[in-house]
Amino acid sequence: MLKKVLSIIGMALLAVAFAAEEGAAAASSFAAIGKGLALGLGALGTGVAQSAIGAAALGAVAEDRRNFGTALIFFLLPETLVIFGFVGLFLIS
């Protein structure tokens, strides 16, 4: 799976490199790819983390309803990855 993802990313980067003109167009296209990767990979990491945390939180709340607040905090912690990716999107020029 990882090999497929890396090969798709590599082909996309090569396509942009060959299609872009020299100068500012190449720099802006790579900046756009960087922005997309910053937000996309942050969201992907959040989804992977929340899938495991959500299952564990549901089990903890099913056993004892007093665990709801703690489970909610742990479930929302990975959302910071998306926020960091969103901030990185604006930092890339």
Protein backbone atom coordinates (compact mmCIF):
# COMPACT_ATOMS: atom_id res chain seq x y z
CA MET A 1 0.00 0.00 0.00
CA LEU A 2 2.79 2.40 0.94
CA LYS A 3 4.63 1.65 -2.30
CA LYS A 4 1.52 2.50 -4.31
CA VAL A 5 1.01 5.79 -2.48
CA LEU A 6 4.65 6.80 -2.87
CA SER A 7 4.65 5.92 -6.56
CA ILE A 8 1.49 7.97 -7.15
CA ILE A 9 3.03 10.95 -5.34
CA GLY A 10 6.23 10.53 -7.34
CA MET A 11 4.36 10.43 -10.64
CA ALA A 12 2.38 13.53 -9.70
CA LEU A 13 5.57 15.40 -8.86
CA LEU A 14 7.19 14.31 -12.11
CA ALA A 15 4.15 15.36 -14.12
CA VAL A 16 4.21 18.80 -12.53
CA ALA A 17 7.96 19.10 -13.06
CA PHE A 18 7.72 18.31 -16.76
CA ALA A 19 4.58 20.36 -17.36
CA ALA A 20 5.71 23.51 -15.54
CA GLU A 21 7.55 26.24 -17.31
CA GLU A 22 10.83 27.48 -15.94
CA GLY A 23 10.90 30.24 -13.39
CA ALA A 24 8.01 31.30 -11.20
CA ALA A 25 5.53 28.80 -12.63
CA ALA A 26 7.61 25.86 -11.42
CA ALA A 27 8.03 27.35 -7.97
CA SER A 28 4.32 28.10 -7.62
CA SER A 29 3.32 24.61 -8.75
CA PHE A 30 5.62 23.00 -6.19
CA ALA A 31 4.25 25.37 -3.55
CA ALA A 32 0.74 24.23 -4.44
CA ILE A 33 1.80 20.60 -4.10
CA GLY A 34 3.37 21.39 -0.73
CA LYS A 35 0.20 23.09 0.45
CA GLY A 36 -1.91 20.14 -0.59
CA LEU A 37 0.42 17.67 1.08
CA ALA A 38 0.52 19.70 4.29
CA LEU A 39 -3.24 19.70 4.69
CA GLY A 40 -3.91 16.30 3.15
CA LEU A 41 -1.36 14.35 5.16
CA GLY A 42 -2.44 16.11 8.34
CA ALA A 43 -6.02 15.05 7.69
CA LEU A 44 -4.91 11.51 6.83
CA GLY A 45 -2.94 11.24 10.08
CA THR A 46 -5.94 12.50 12.01
CA GLY A 47 -8.19 9.89 10.45
CA VAL A 48 -5.81 7.06 11.25
CA ALA A 49 -5.40 8.21 14.85
CA GLN A 50 -9.10 8.79 15.43
CA SER A 51 -10.07 5.39 14.08
CA ALA A 52 -8.25 3.58 16.88
CA ILE A 53 -9.09 6.15 19.55
CA GLY A 54 -12.78 6.15 18.64
CA ALA A 55 -13.12 2.41 19.07
CA ALA A 56 -11.37 2.49 22.43
CA ALA A 57 -13.40 5.50 23.59
CA LEU A 58 -16.66 3.82 22.66
CA GLY A 59 -15.69 0.76 24.65
CA ALA A 60 -14.71 2.85 27.68
CA VAL A 61 -17.97 4.82 27.59
CA ALA A 62 -19.99 1.63 27.18
CA GLU A 63 -18.45 0.24 30.36
CA ASP A 64 -18.82 3.42 32.43
CA ARG A 65 -20.63 6.59 31.34
CA ARG A 66 -18.38 8.74 33.55
CA ASN A 67 -15.54 8.16 31.02
CA PHE A 68 -17.31 10.26 28.39
CA GLY A 69 -15.41 13.52 29.09
CA THR A 70 -12.01 11.86 29.07
CA ALA A 71 -12.86 9.87 25.95
CA LEU A 72 -14.01 13.02 24.18
CA ILE A 73 -10.78 14.85 25.01
CA PHE A 74 -8.66 11.96 23.74
CA PHE A 75 -10.79 11.69 20.62
CA LEU A 76 -10.37 15.38 19.79
CA LEU A 77 -6.62 15.60 20.44
CA PRO A 78 -5.59 14.37 16.96
CA GLU A 79 -7.54 17.25 15.39
CA THR A 80 -4.50 19.41 16.14
CA LEU A 81 -2.77 17.66 13.22
CA VAL A 82 -5.29 19.19 10.83
CA ILE A 83 -4.87 22.59 12.47
CA PHE A 84 -1.07 22.36 12.09
CA GLY A 85 -1.51 21.36 8.44
CA PHE A 86 -3.85 24.29 7.92
CA VAL A 87 -1.32 26.68 9.47
CA GLY A 88 1.42 25.14 7.31
CA LEU A 89 -0.76 25.74 4.25
CA PHE A 90 -0.62 29.48 4.91
CA LEU A 91 3.10 29.49 5.75
CA ILE A 92 4.13 27.99 2.41
CA SER A 93 4.49 30.76 -0.14
